[in-house]
Amino acid sequence: MAMVFCRGCAMEIHETAPSCPQCGAPQTPSATTQPSDKPLSWMAASSLILCIACVFTLFEPASWDRNTLWGMGLFALTGLVLGTLSLVKKEPRTYMAITGTVLSGILLILLIWLVM
């Protein structure tokens, strides 16, 4: 028989109690004890991975020929589309979609400036 402390009044209660018998506070499990039931959004993750690949390519200016810039532009545009779709569909892990979308937008502006 395992005992835990009430989240409301700190009285010792049984771990399976749905609420405290003394104060009535609900005893919902914390988010850290249960695994996340939300799956990883492949669109948000792909958006972020594509943008990171573009950022790493920017650190090697010696390899910037026209084909490399077009490839980076395609990666950034794909990352922008996937991140935006993930945000519109309200998928979980929005922080990855937001980061991918913002990075993609910045990279596209930078790549357009480099091509011109």
PDB file of N, CA and C in Angstrom:
ATOM      1  N   MET A   1       0.846  -1.180   0.000  1.00  0.00           N
ATOM      2  CA  MET A   1       0.000   0.000   0.000  1.00  0.00           C
ATOM      3  C   MET A   1       0.895   1.248   0.000  1.00  0.00           C
ATOM      4  N   ALA A   2       0.880   1.981  -1.105  1.00  0.00           N
ATOM      5  CA  ALA A   2       1.710   3.177  -1.228  1.00  0.00           C
ATOM      6  C   ALA A   2       0.895   4.411  -0.870  1.00  0.00           C
ATOM      7  N   MET A   3       1.535   5.262  -0.118  1.00  0.00           N
ATOM      8  CA  MET A   3       0.879   6.494   0.300  1.00  0.00           C
ATOM      9  C   MET A   3       1.600   7.687  -0.342  1.00  0.00           C
ATOM     10  N   VAL A   4       0.833   8.705  -0.682  1.00  0.00           N
ATOM     11  CA  VAL A   4       1.378   9.947  -1.229  1.00  0.00           C
ATOM     12  C   VAL A   4       0.780  11.103  -0.445  1.00  0.00           C
ATOM     13  N   PHE A   5       1.287  12.286  -0.684  1.00  0.00           N
ATOM     14  CA  PHE A   5       0.762  13.465  -0.008  1.00  0.00           C
ATOM     15  C   PHE A   5      -0.221  14.190  -0.909  1.00  0.00           C
ATOM     16  N   CYS A   6      -1.287  14.719  -0.313  1.00  0.00           N
ATOM     17  CA  CYS A   6      -2.315  15.472  -1.049  1.00  0.00           C
ATOM     18  C   CYS A   6      -1.688  16.718  -1.661  1.00  0.00           C
ATOM     19  N   ARG A   7      -2.126  17.041  -2.849  1.00  0.00           N
ATOM     20  CA  ARG A   7      -1.622  18.225  -3.548  1.00  0.00           C
ATOM     21  C   ARG A   7      -2.231  19.514  -2.996  1.00  0.00           C
ATOM     22  N   GLY A   8      -3.303  19.381  -2.220  1.00  0.00           N
ATOM     23  CA  GLY A   8      -3.957  20.563  -1.673  1.00  0.00           C
ATOM     24  C   GLY A   8      -3.612  20.851  -0.229  1.00  0.00           C
ATOM     25  N   CYS A   9      -3.666  19.820   0.631  1.00  0.00           N
ATOM     26  CA  CYS A   9      -3.476  20.050   2.067  1.00  0.00           C
ATOM     27  C   CYS A   9      -2.294  19.291   2.654  1.00  0.00           C
ATOM     28  N   ALA A  10      -1.620  18.481   1.860  1.00  0.00           N
ATOM     29  CA  ALA A  10      -0.434  17.708   2.270  1.00  0.00           C
ATOM     30  C   ALA A  10      -0.751  16.592   3.247  1.00  0.00           C
ATOM     31  N   MET A  11      -2.021  16.192   3.340  1.00  0.00           N
ATOM     32  CA  MET A  11      -2.380  15.032   4.160  1.00  0.00           C
ATOM     33  C   MET A  11      -1.954  13.766   3.432  1.00  0.00           C
ATOM     34  N   GLU A  12      -1.539  12.749   4.170  1.00  0.00           N
ATOM     35  CA  GLU A  12      -1.121  11.499   3.549  1.00  0.00           C
ATOM     36  C   GLU A  12      -2.356  10.711   3.125  1.00  0.00           C
ATOM     37  N   ILE A  13      -2.423  10.370   1.818  1.00  0.00           N
ATOM     38  CA  ILE A  13      -3.559   9.625   1.272  1.00  0.00           C
ATOM     39  C   ILE A  13      -3.035   8.490   0.404  1.00  0.00           C
ATOM     40  N   HIS A  14      -3.928   7.572   0.037  1.00  0.00           N
ATOM     41  CA  HIS A  14      -3.540   6.455  -0.814  1.00  0.00           C
ATOM     42  C   HIS A  14      -3.265   6.976  -2.223  1.00  0.00           C
ATOM     43  N   GLU A  15      -2.306   6.371  -2.918  1.00  0.00           N
ATOM     44  CA  GLU A  15      -1.885   6.862  -4.232  1.00  0.00           C
ATOM     45  C   GLU A  15      -2.964   6.743  -5.303  1.00  0.00           C
ATOM     46  N   THR A  16      -3.953   5.889  -5.128  1.00  0.00           N
ATOM     47  CA  THR A  16      -5.005   5.726  -6.137  1.00  0.00           C
ATOM     48  C   THR A  16      -6.232   6.597  -5.868  1.00  0.00           C
ATOM     49  N   ALA A  17      -6.197   7.384  -4.794  1.00  0.00           N
ATOM     50  CA  ALA A  17      -7.347   8.231  -4.460  1.00  0.00           C
ATOM     51  C   ALA A  17      -7.530   9.311  -5.522  1.00  0.00           C
ATOM     52  N   PRO A  18      -8.740   9.428  -6.110  1.00  0.00           N
ATOM     53  CA  PRO A  18      -8.964  10.462  -7.126  1.00  0.00           C
ATOM     54  C   PRO A  18      -9.018  11.874  -6.535  1.00  0.00           C
ATOM     55  N   SER A  19      -9.409  11.965  -5.241  1.00  0.00           N
ATOM     56  CA  SER A  19      -9.436  13.262  -4.573  1.00  0.00           C
ATOM     57  C   SER A  19      -9.125  13.047  -3.093  1.00  0.00           C
ATOM     58  N   CYS A  20      -8.758  14.113  -2.429  1.00  0.00           N
ATOM     59  CA  CYS A  20      -8.402  14.047  -1.015  1.00  0.00           C
ATOM     60  C   CYS A  20      -9.671  13.931  -0.170  1.00  0.00           C
ATOM     61  N   PRO A  21      -9.742  12.971   0.777  1.00  0.00           N
ATOM     62  CA  PRO A  21     -10.935  12.855   1.614  1.00  0.00           C
ATOM     63  C   PRO A  21     -11.082  14.010   2.595  1.00  0.00           C
ATOM     64  N   GLN A  22      -9.993  14.726   2.882  1.00  0.00           N
ATOM     65  CA  GLN A  22     -10.084  15.822   3.842  1.00  0.00           C
ATOM     66  C   GLN A  22     -10.464  17.148   3.173  1.00  0.00           C
ATOM     67  N   CYS A  23      -9.725  17.532   2.103  1.00  0.00           N
ATOM     68  CA  CYS A  23      -9.970  18.846   1.491  1.00  0.00           C
ATOM     69  C   CYS A  23     -10.694  18.764   0.157  1.00  0.00           C
ATOM     70  N   GLY A  24     -10.741  17.569  -0.457  1.00  0.00           N
ATOM     71  CA  GLY A  24     -11.453  17.398  -1.723  1.00  0.00           C
ATOM     72  C   GLY A  24     -10.659  17.793  -2.954  1.00  0.00           C
ATOM     73  N   ALA A  25      -9.383  18.109  -2.786  1.00  0.00           N
ATOM     74  CA  ALA A  25      -8.561  18.519  -3.928  1.00  0.00           C
ATOM     75  C   ALA A  25      -8.361  17.335  -4.874  1.00  0.00           C
ATOM     76  N   PRO A  26      -8.540  17.557  -6.189  1.00  0.00           N
ATOM     77  CA  PRO A  26      -8.308  16.458  -7.128  1.00  0.00           C
ATOM     78  C   PRO A  26      -6.836  16.071  -7.149  1.00  0.00           C
ATOM     79  N   GLN A  27      -6.580  14.787  -7.286  1.00  0.00           N
ATOM     80  CA  GLN A  27      -5.211  14.272  -7.257  1.00  0.00           C
ATOM     81  C   GLN A  27      -4.816  13.779  -8.646  1.00  0.00           C
ATOM     82  N   THR A  28      -4.737  14.702  -9.589  1.00  0.00           N
ATOM     83  CA  THR A  28      -4.363  14.318 -10.948  1.00  0.00           C
ATOM     84  C   THR A  28      -2.861  14.109 -11.005  1.00  0.00           C
ATOM     85  N   PRO A  29      -2.413  13.107 -11.752  1.00  0.00           N
ATOM     86  CA  PRO A  29      -0.965  12.893 -11.870  1.00  0.00           C
ATOM     87  C   PRO A  29      -0.316  14.040 -12.619  1.00  0.00           C
ATOM     88  N   SER A  30       0.916  14.311 -12.252  1.00  0.00           N
ATOM     89  CA  SER A  30       1.630  15.415 -12.901  1.00  0.00           C
ATOM     90  C   SER A  30       2.052  15.015 -14.303  1.00  0.00           C
ATOM     91  N   ALA A  31       2.345  16.009 -15.123  1.00  0.00           N
ATOM     92  CA  ALA A  31       2.740  15.766 -16.514  1.00  0.00           C
ATOM     93  C   ALA A  31       4.098  15.080 -16.602  1.00  0.00           C
ATOM     94  N   THR A  32       4.891  15.196 -15.549  1.00  0.00           N
ATOM     95  CA  THR A  32       6.215  14.583 -15.602  1.00  0.00           C
ATOM     96  C   THR A  32       6.173  13.083 -15.344  1.00  0.00           C
ATOM     97  N   THR A  33       5.113  12.589 -14.721  1.00  0.00           N
ATOM     98  CA  THR A  33       5.054  11.164 -14.423  1.00  0.00           C
ATOM     99  C   THR A  33       4.422  10.370 -15.545  1.00  0.00           C
ATOM    100  N   GLN A  34       3.649  11.013 -16.409  1.00  0.00           N
ATOM    101  CA  GLN A  34       3.016  10.310 -17.510  1.00  0.00           C
ATOM    102  C   GLN A  34       3.725  10.648 -18.809  1.00  0.00           C
ATOM    103  N   PRO A  35       3.914   9.652 -19.673  1.00  0.00           N
ATOM    104  CA  PRO A  35       4.529   9.949 -20.963  1.00  0.00           C
ATOM    105  C   PRO A  35       3.584  10.783 -21.823  1.00  0.00           C
ATOM    106  N   SER A  36       4.169  11.586 -22.685  1.00  0.00           N
ATOM    107  CA  SER A  36       3.373  12.425 -23.566  1.00  0.00           C
ATOM    108  C   SER A  36       2.620  11.556 -24.566  1.00  0.00           C
ATOM    109  N   ASP A  37       1.316  11.806 -24.669  1.00  0.00           N
ATOM    110  CA  ASP A  37       0.519  11.028 -25.607  1.00  0.00           C
ATOM    111  C   ASP A  37       0.435  11.695 -26.975  1.00  0.00           C
ATOM    112  N   LYS A  38       1.075  12.850 -27.115  1.00  0.00           N
ATOM    113  CA  LYS A  38       1.061  13.548 -28.393  1.00  0.00           C
ATOM    114  C   LYS A  38       2.228  13.062 -29.252  1.00  0.00           C
ATOM    115  N   PRO A  39       1.963  12.615 -30.457  1.00  0.00           N
ATOM    116  CA  PRO A  39       3.059  12.158 -31.306  1.00  0.00           C
ATOM    117  C   PRO A  39       3.844  13.348 -31.861  1.00  0.00           C
ATOM    118  N   LEU A  40       5.058  13.067 -32.227  1.00  0.00           N
ATOM    119  CA  LEU A  40       5.904  14.092 -32.827  1.00  0.00           C
ATOM    120  C   LEU A  40       5.378  14.428 -34.212  1.00  0.00           C
ATOM    121  N   SER A  41       5.203  15.699 -34.486  1.00  0.00           N
ATOM    122  CA  SER A  41       4.716  16.141 -35.785  1.00  0.00           C
ATOM    123  C   SER A  41       5.841  16.029 -36.807  1.00  0.00           C
ATOM    124  N   TRP A  42       5.637  15.212 -37.823  1.00  0.00           N
ATOM    125  CA  TRP A  42       6.692  15.034 -38.836  1.00  0.00           C
ATOM    126  C   TRP A  42       6.887  16.311 -39.639  1.00  0.00           C
ATOM    127  N   MET A  43       5.833  17.104 -39.814  1.00  0.00           N
ATOM    128  CA  MET A  43       5.988  18.341 -40.583  1.00  0.00           C
ATOM    129  C   MET A  43       6.827  19.358 -39.822  1.00  0.00           C
ATOM    130  N   ALA A  44       6.568  19.511 -38.530  1.00  0.00           N
ATOM    131  CA  ALA A  44       7.338  20.470 -37.734  1.00  0.00           C
ATOM    132  C   ALA A  44       8.793  20.035 -37.636  1.00  0.00           C
ATOM    133  N   ALA A  45       9.016  18.747 -37.408  1.00  0.00           N
ATOM    134  CA  ALA A  45      10.385  18.244 -37.295  1.00  0.00           C
ATOM    135  C   ALA A  45      11.127  18.385 -38.622  1.00  0.00           C
ATOM    136  N   SER A  46      10.465  18.074 -39.721  1.00  0.00           N
ATOM    137  CA  SER A  46      11.100  18.196 -41.038  1.00  0.00           C
ATOM    138  C   SER A  46      11.434  19.648 -41.351  1.00  0.00           C
ATOM    139  N   SER A  47      10.542  20.543 -40.989  1.00  0.00           N
ATOM    140  CA  SER A  47      10.792  21.964 -41.209  1.00  0.00           C
ATOM    141  C   SER A  47      12.050  22.416 -40.484  1.00  0.00           C
ATOM    142  N   LEU A  48      12.172  22.010 -39.243  1.00  0.00           N
ATOM    143  CA  LEU A  48      13.331  22.407 -38.454  1.00  0.00           C
ATOM    144  C   LEU A  48      14.613  21.763 -38.977  1.00  0.00           C
ATOM    145  N   ILE A  49      14.557  20.499 -39.358  1.00  0.00           N
ATOM    146  CA  ILE A  49      15.748  19.804 -39.868  1.00  0.00           C
ATOM    147  C   ILE A  49      16.224  20.430 -41.179  1.00  0.00           C
ATOM    148  N   LEU A  50      15.300  20.755 -42.078  1.00  0.00           N
ATOM    149  CA  LEU A  50      15.680  21.383 -43.345  1.00  0.00           C
ATOM    150  C   LEU A  50      16.340  22.741 -43.112  1.00  0.00           C
ATOM    151  N   CYS A  51      15.814  23.500 -42.161  1.00  0.00           N
ATOM    152  CA  CYS A  51      16.399  24.817 -41.875  1.00  0.00           C
ATOM    153  C   CYS A  51      17.777  24.690 -41.254  1.00  0.00           C
ATOM    154  N   ILE A  52      17.953  23.716 -40.385  1.00  0.00           N
ATOM    155  CA  ILE A  52      19.265  23.519 -39.778  1.00  0.00           C
ATOM    156  C   ILE A  52      20.283  23.120 -40.844  1.00  0.00           C
ATOM    157  N   ALA A  53      19.871  22.301 -41.807  1.00  0.00           N
ATOM    158  CA  ALA A  53      20.773  21.927 -42.902  1.00  0.00           C
ATOM    159  C   ALA A  53      21.187  23.167 -43.705  1.00  0.00           C
ATOM    160  N   CYS A  54      20.241  24.064 -43.942  1.00  0.00           N
ATOM    161  CA  CYS A  54      20.569  25.305 -44.667  1.00  0.00           C
ATOM    162  C   CYS A  54      21.522  26.187 -43.864  1.00  0.00           C
ATOM    163  N   VAL A  55      21.289  26.281 -42.566  1.00  0.00           N
ATOM    164  CA  VAL A  55      22.151  27.115 -41.723  1.00  0.00           C
ATOM    165  C   VAL A  55      23.574  26.570 -41.725  1.00  0.00           C
ATOM    166  N   PHE A  56      23.734  25.245 -41.635  1.00  0.00           N
ATOM    167  CA  PHE A  56      25.077  24.674 -41.671  1.00  0.00           C
ATOM    168  C   PHE A  56      25.761  24.921 -43.012  1.00  0.00           C
ATOM    169  N   THR A  57      25.002  24.924 -44.094  1.00  0.00           N
ATOM    170  CA  THR A  57      25.580  25.197 -45.406  1.00  0.00           C
ATOM    171  C   THR A  57      26.048  26.650 -45.499  1.00  0.00           C
ATOM    172  N   LEU A  58      25.386  27.558 -44.796  1.00  0.00           N
ATOM    173  CA  LEU A  58      25.786  28.965 -44.819  1.00  0.00           C
ATOM    174  C   LEU A  58      27.155  29.190 -44.194  1.00  0.00           C
ATOM    175  N   PHE A  59      27.605  28.277 -43.337  1.00  0.00           N
ATOM    176  CA  PHE A  59      28.905  28.441 -42.701  1.00  0.00           C
ATOM    177  C   PHE A  59      30.072  28.054 -43.606  1.00  0.00           C
ATOM    178  N   GLU A  60      29.772  27.574 -44.805  1.00  0.00           N
ATOM    179  CA  GLU A  60      30.828  27.187 -45.754  1.00  0.00           C
ATOM    180  C   GLU A  60      30.671  28.020 -47.028  1.00  0.00           C
ATOM    181  N   PRO A  61      31.042  29.308 -47.001  1.00  0.00           N
ATOM    182  CA  PRO A  61      30.837  30.168 -48.164  1.00  0.00           C
ATOM    183  C   PRO A  61      31.648  29.760 -49.386  1.00  0.00           C
ATOM    184  N   ALA A  62      32.690  28.964 -49.220  1.00  0.00           N
ATOM    185  CA  ALA A  62      33.482  28.537 -50.367  1.00  0.00           C
ATOM    186  C   ALA A  62      32.693  27.608 -51.286  1.00  0.00           C
ATOM    187  N   SER A  63      31.659  26.964 -50.761  1.00  0.00           N
ATOM    188  CA  SER A  63      30.869  26.027 -51.569  1.00  0.00           C
ATOM    189  C   SER A  63      29.621  26.666 -52.169  1.00  0.00           C
ATOM    190  N   TRP A  64      29.507  27.979 -52.122  1.00  0.00           N
ATOM    191  CA  TRP A  64      28.308  28.637 -52.629  1.00  0.00           C
ATOM    192  C   TRP A  64      28.410  28.848 -54.130  1.00  0.00           C
ATOM    193  N   ASP A  65      27.946  27.917 -54.898  1.00  0.00           N
ATOM    194  CA  ASP A  65      27.770  28.167 -56.319  1.00  0.00           C
ATOM    195  C   ASP A  65      26.268  28.317 -56.552  1.00  0.00           C
ATOM    196  N   ARG A  66      25.906  28.553 -57.778  1.00  0.00           N
ATOM    197  CA  ARG A  66      24.490  28.814 -58.070  1.00  0.00           C
ATOM    198  C   ARG A  66      23.606  27.612 -57.713  1.00  0.00           C
ATOM    199  N   ASN A  67      24.072  26.394 -57.987  1.00  0.00           N
ATOM    200  CA  ASN A  67      23.276  25.200 -57.670  1.00  0.00           C
ATOM    201  C   ASN A  67      23.093  25.013 -56.167  1.00  0.00           C
ATOM    202  N   THR A  68      24.128  25.306 -55.400  1.00  0.00           N
ATOM    203  CA  THR A  68      24.017  25.189 -53.943  1.00  0.00           C
ATOM    204  C   THR A  68      23.006  26.185 -53.394  1.00  0.00           C
ATOM    205  N   LEU A  69      23.047  27.408 -53.903  1.00  0.00           N
ATOM    206  CA  LEU A  69      22.089  28.422 -53.445  1.00  0.00           C
ATOM    207  C   LEU A  69      20.659  28.050 -53.817  1.00  0.00           C
ATOM    208  N   TRP A  70      20.471  27.490 -55.025  1.00  0.00           N
ATOM    209  CA  TRP A  70      19.128  27.050 -55.412  1.00  0.00           C
ATOM    210  C   TRP A  70      18.650  25.886 -54.529  1.00  0.00           C
ATOM    211  N   GLY A  71      19.564  24.963 -54.225  1.00  0.00           N
ATOM    212  CA  GLY A  71      19.213  23.851 -53.342  1.00  0.00           C
ATOM    213  C   GLY A  71      18.860  24.320 -51.946  1.00  0.00           C
ATOM    214  N   MET A  72      19.643  25.268 -51.425  1.00  0.00           N
ATOM    215  CA  MET A  72      19.335  25.827 -50.109  1.00  0.00           C
ATOM    216  C   MET A  72      18.001  26.561 -50.133  1.00  0.00           C
ATOM    217  N   GLY A  73      17.737  27.254 -51.237  1.00  0.00           N
ATOM    218  CA  GLY A  73      16.454  27.942 -51.370  1.00  0.00           C
ATOM    219  C   GLY A  73      15.286  26.969 -51.390  1.00  0.00           C
ATOM    220  N   LEU A  74      15.476  25.844 -52.078  1.00  0.00           N
ATOM    221  CA  LEU A  74      14.426  24.824 -52.118  1.00  0.00           C
ATOM    222  C   LEU A  74      14.202  24.218 -50.732  1.00  0.00           C
ATOM    223  N   PHE A  75      15.283  23.940 -50.006  1.00  0.00           N
ATOM    224  CA  PHE A  75      15.159  23.427 -48.642  1.00  0.00           C
ATOM    225  C   PHE A  75      14.436  24.432 -47.748  1.00  0.00           C
ATOM    226  N   ALA A  76      14.824  25.708 -47.847  1.00  0.00           N
ATOM    227  CA  ALA A  76      14.214  26.738 -47.007  1.00  0.00           C
ATOM    228  C   ALA A  76      12.742  26.917 -47.350  1.00  0.00           C
ATOM    229  N   LEU A  77      12.407  26.887 -48.641  1.00  0.00           N
ATOM    230  CA  LEU A  77      11.007  27.023 -49.045  1.00  0.00           C
ATOM    231  C   LEU A  77      10.186  25.827 -48.570  1.00  0.00           C
ATOM    232  N   THR A  78      10.737  24.626 -48.679  1.00  0.00           N
ATOM    233  CA  THR A  78      10.043  23.443 -48.191  1.00  0.00           C
ATOM    234  C   THR A  78       9.857  23.514 -46.677  1.00  0.00           C
ATOM    235  N   GLY A  79      10.879  23.972 -45.960  1.00  0.00           N
ATOM    236  CA  GLY A  79      10.765  24.143 -44.511  1.00  0.00           C
ATOM    237  C   GLY A  79       9.708  25.159 -44.135  1.00  0.00           C
ATOM    238  N   LEU A  80       9.620  26.237 -44.914  1.00  0.00           N
ATOM    239  CA  LEU A  80       8.605  27.256 -44.668  1.00  0.00           C
ATOM    240  C   LEU A  80       7.205  26.690 -44.869  1.00  0.00           C
ATOM    241  N   VAL A  81       7.016  25.938 -45.941  1.00  0.00           N
ATOM    242  CA  VAL A  81       5.700  25.353 -46.227  1.00  0.00           C
ATOM    243  C   VAL A  81       5.317  24.332 -45.152  1.00  0.00           C
ATOM    244  N   LEU A  82       6.242  23.434 -44.804  1.00  0.00           N
ATOM    245  CA  LEU A  82       5.936  22.414 -43.808  1.00  0.00           C
ATOM    246  C   LEU A  82       5.672  23.025 -42.433  1.00  0.00           C
ATOM    247  N   GLY A  83       6.463  24.008 -42.040  1.00  0.00           N
ATOM    248  CA  GLY A  83       6.243  24.671 -40.752  1.00  0.00           C
ATOM    249  C   GLY A  83       4.912  25.400 -40.710  1.00  0.00           C
ATOM    250  N   THR A  84       4.567  26.078 -41.802  1.00  0.00           N
ATOM    251  CA  THR A  84       3.294  26.788 -41.859  1.00  0.00           C
ATOM    252  C   THR A  84       2.121  25.822 -41.820  1.00  0.00           C
ATOM    253  N   LEU A  85       2.216  24.727 -42.568  1.00  0.00           N
ATOM    254  CA  LEU A  85       1.142  23.726 -42.533  1.00  0.00           C
ATOM    255  C   LEU A  85       0.981  23.118 -41.149  1.00  0.00           C
ATOM    256  N   SER A  86       2.086  22.880 -40.473  1.00  0.00           N
ATOM    257  CA  SER A  86       2.017  22.333 -39.120  1.00  0.00           C
ATOM    258  C   SER A  86       1.334  23.307 -38.169  1.00  0.00           C
ATOM    259  N   LEU A  87       1.624  24.588 -38.331  1.00  0.00           N
ATOM    260  CA  LEU A  87       0.975  25.592 -37.476  1.00  0.00           C
ATOM    261  C   LEU A  87      -0.508  25.730 -37.800  1.00  0.00           C
ATOM    262  N   VAL A  88      -0.851  25.683 -39.086  1.00  0.00           N
ATOM    263  CA  VAL A  88      -2.254  25.820 -39.482  1.00  0.00           C
ATOM    264  C   VAL A  88      -3.075  24.629 -38.994  1.00  0.00           C
ATOM    265  N   LYS A  89      -2.480  23.427 -39.047  1.00  0.00           N
ATOM    266  CA  LYS A  89      -3.181  22.227 -38.598  1.00  0.00           C
ATOM    267  C   LYS A  89      -3.182  22.086 -37.077  1.00  0.00           C
ATOM    268  N   LYS A  90      -2.502  22.995 -36.378  1.00  0.00           N
ATOM    269  CA  LYS A  90      -2.418  22.999 -34.915  1.00  0.00           C
ATOM    270  C   LYS A  90      -1.920  21.671 -34.379  1.00  0.00           C
ATOM    271  N   GLU A  91      -0.848  21.179 -34.991  1.00  0.00           N
ATOM    272  CA  GLU A  91      -0.239  19.940 -34.541  1.00  0.00           C
ATOM    273  C   GLU A  91       0.571  20.198 -33.271  1.00  0.00           C
ATOM    274  N   PRO A  92       0.870  19.137 -32.518  1.00  0.00           N
ATOM    275  CA  PRO A  92       1.681  19.333 -31.307  1.00  0.00           C
ATOM    276  C   PRO A  92       3.112  19.739 -31.652  1.00  0.00           C
ATOM    277  N   ARG A  93       3.830  20.171 -30.637  1.00  0.00           N
ATOM    278  CA  ARG A  93       5.218  20.614 -30.765  1.00  0.00           C
ATOM    279  C   ARG A  93       5.311  21.866 -31.639  1.00  0.00           C
ATOM    280  N   THR A  94       4.491  22.864 -31.332  1.00  0.00           N
ATOM    281  CA  THR A  94       4.468  24.073 -32.148  1.00  0.00           C
ATOM    282  C   THR A  94       5.781  24.843 -32.079  1.00  0.00           C
ATOM    283  N   TYR A  95       6.546  24.657 -31.020  1.00  0.00           N
ATOM    284  CA  TYR A  95       7.814  25.384 -30.933  1.00  0.00           C
ATOM    285  C   TYR A  95       8.744  25.000 -32.077  1.00  0.00           C
ATOM    286  N   MET A  96       8.706  23.737 -32.515  1.00  0.00           N
ATOM    287  CA  MET A  96       9.539  23.330 -33.647  1.00  0.00           C
ATOM    288  C   MET A  96       9.021  23.943 -34.942  1.00  0.00           C
ATOM    289  N   ALA A  97       7.714  23.983 -35.110  1.00  0.00           N
ATOM    290  CA  ALA A  97       7.135  24.567 -36.324  1.00  0.00           C
ATOM    291  C   ALA A  97       7.407  26.065 -36.387  1.00  0.00           C
ATOM    292  N   ILE A  98       7.290  26.743 -35.263  1.00  0.00           N
ATOM    293  CA  ILE A  98       7.542  28.189 -35.237  1.00  0.00           C
ATOM    294  C   ILE A  98       9.010  28.465 -35.553  1.00  0.00           C
ATOM    295  N   THR A  99       9.909  27.701 -34.930  1.00  0.00           N
ATOM    296  CA  THR A  99      11.335  27.892 -35.184  1.00  0.00           C
ATOM    297  C   THR A  99      11.672  27.608 -36.640  1.00  0.00           C
ATOM    298  N   GLY A 100      11.140  26.519 -37.195  1.00  0.00           N
ATOM    299  CA  GLY A 100      11.387  26.183 -38.590  1.00  0.00           C
ATOM    300  C   GLY A 100      10.850  27.228 -39.545  1.00  0.00           C
ATOM    301  N   THR A 101       9.659  27.744 -39.252  1.00  0.00           N
ATOM    302  CA  THR A 101       9.047  28.750 -40.116  1.00  0.00           C
ATOM    303  C   THR A 101       9.827  30.065 -40.081  1.00  0.00           C
ATOM    304  N   VAL A 102      10.197  30.504 -38.912  1.00  0.00           N
ATOM    305  CA  VAL A 102      10.936  31.769 -38.792  1.00  0.00           C
ATOM    306  C   VAL A 102      12.320  31.646 -39.441  1.00  0.00           C
ATOM    307  N   LEU A 103      13.019  30.545 -39.150  1.00  0.00           N
ATOM    308  CA  LEU A 103      14.330  30.342 -39.765  1.00  0.00           C
ATOM    309  C   LEU A 103      14.226  30.254 -41.282  1.00  0.00           C
ATOM    310  N   SER A 104      13.209  29.576 -41.773  1.00  0.00           N
ATOM    311  CA  SER A 104      13.025  29.459 -43.225  1.00  0.00           C
ATOM    312  C   SER A 104      12.803  30.814 -43.865  1.00  0.00           C
ATOM    313  N   GLY A 105      11.985  31.622 -43.233  1.00  0.00           N
ATOM    314  CA  GLY A 105      11.740  32.965 -43.774  1.00  0.00           C
ATOM    315  C   GLY A 105      13.002  33.798 -43.824  1.00  0.00           C
ATOM    316  N   ILE A 106      13.785  33.756 -42.754  1.00  0.00           N
ATOM    317  CA  ILE A 106      15.042  34.506 -42.720  1.00  0.00           C
ATOM    318  C   ILE A 106      16.007  33.977 -43.773  1.00  0.00           C
ATOM    319  N   LEU A 107      16.096  32.652 -43.883  1.00  0.00           N
ATOM    320  CA  LEU A 107      16.994  32.056 -44.883  1.00  0.00           C
ATOM    321  C   LEU A 107      16.572  32.396 -46.301  1.00  0.00           C
ATOM    322  N   LEU A 108      15.278  32.384 -46.573  1.00  0.00           N
ATOM    323  CA  LEU A 108      14.818  32.741 -47.920  1.00  0.00           C
ATOM    324  C   LEU A 108      15.172  34.179 -48.269  1.00  0.00           C
ATOM    325  N   ILE A 109      14.981  35.085 -47.332  1.00  0.00           N
ATOM    326  CA  ILE A 109      15.331  36.491 -47.576  1.00  0.00           C
ATOM    327  C   ILE A 109      16.840  36.605 -47.818  1.00  0.00           C
ATOM    328  N   LEU A 110      17.630  35.923 -47.010  1.00  0.00           N
ATOM    329  CA  LEU A 110      19.079  35.957 -47.183  1.00  0.00           C
ATOM    330  C   LEU A 110      19.501  35.351 -48.519  1.00  0.00           C
ATOM    331  N   LEU A 111      18.887  34.248 -48.897  1.00  0.00           N
ATOM    332  CA  LEU A 111      19.258  33.589 -50.159  1.00  0.00           C
ATOM    333  C   LEU A 111      18.840  34.435 -51.357  1.00  0.00           C
ATOM    334  N   ILE A 112      17.706  35.071 -51.303  1.00  0.00           N
ATOM    335  CA  ILE A 112      17.283  35.964 -52.391  1.00  0.00           C
ATOM    336  C   ILE A 112      18.285  37.113 -52.520  1.00  0.00           C
ATOM    337  N   TRP A 113      18.737  37.635 -51.384  1.00  0.00           N
ATOM    338  CA  TRP A 113      19.719  38.718 -51.408  1.00  0.00           C
ATOM    339  C   TRP A 113      21.054  38.229 -51.994  1.00  0.00           C
ATOM    340  N   LEU A 114      21.454  36.986 -51.676  1.00  0.00           N
ATOM    341  CA  LEU A 114      22.711  36.459 -52.198  1.00  0.00           C
ATOM    342  C   LEU A 114      22.651  36.179 -53.690  1.00  0.00           C
ATOM    343  N   VAL A 115      21.499  35.737 -54.178  1.00  0.00           N
ATOM    344  CA  VAL A 115      21.363  35.403 -55.603  1.00  0.00           C
ATOM    345  C   VAL A 115      21.355  36.662 -56.462  1.00  0.00           C
ATOM    346  N   MET A 116      20.827  37.729 -55.952  1.00  0.00           N
ATOM    347  CA  MET A 116      20.723  38.953 -56.747  1.00  0.00           C
ATOM    348  C   MET A 116      21.992  39.712 -56.788  1.00  0.00           C
TER     349      MET A 116
END
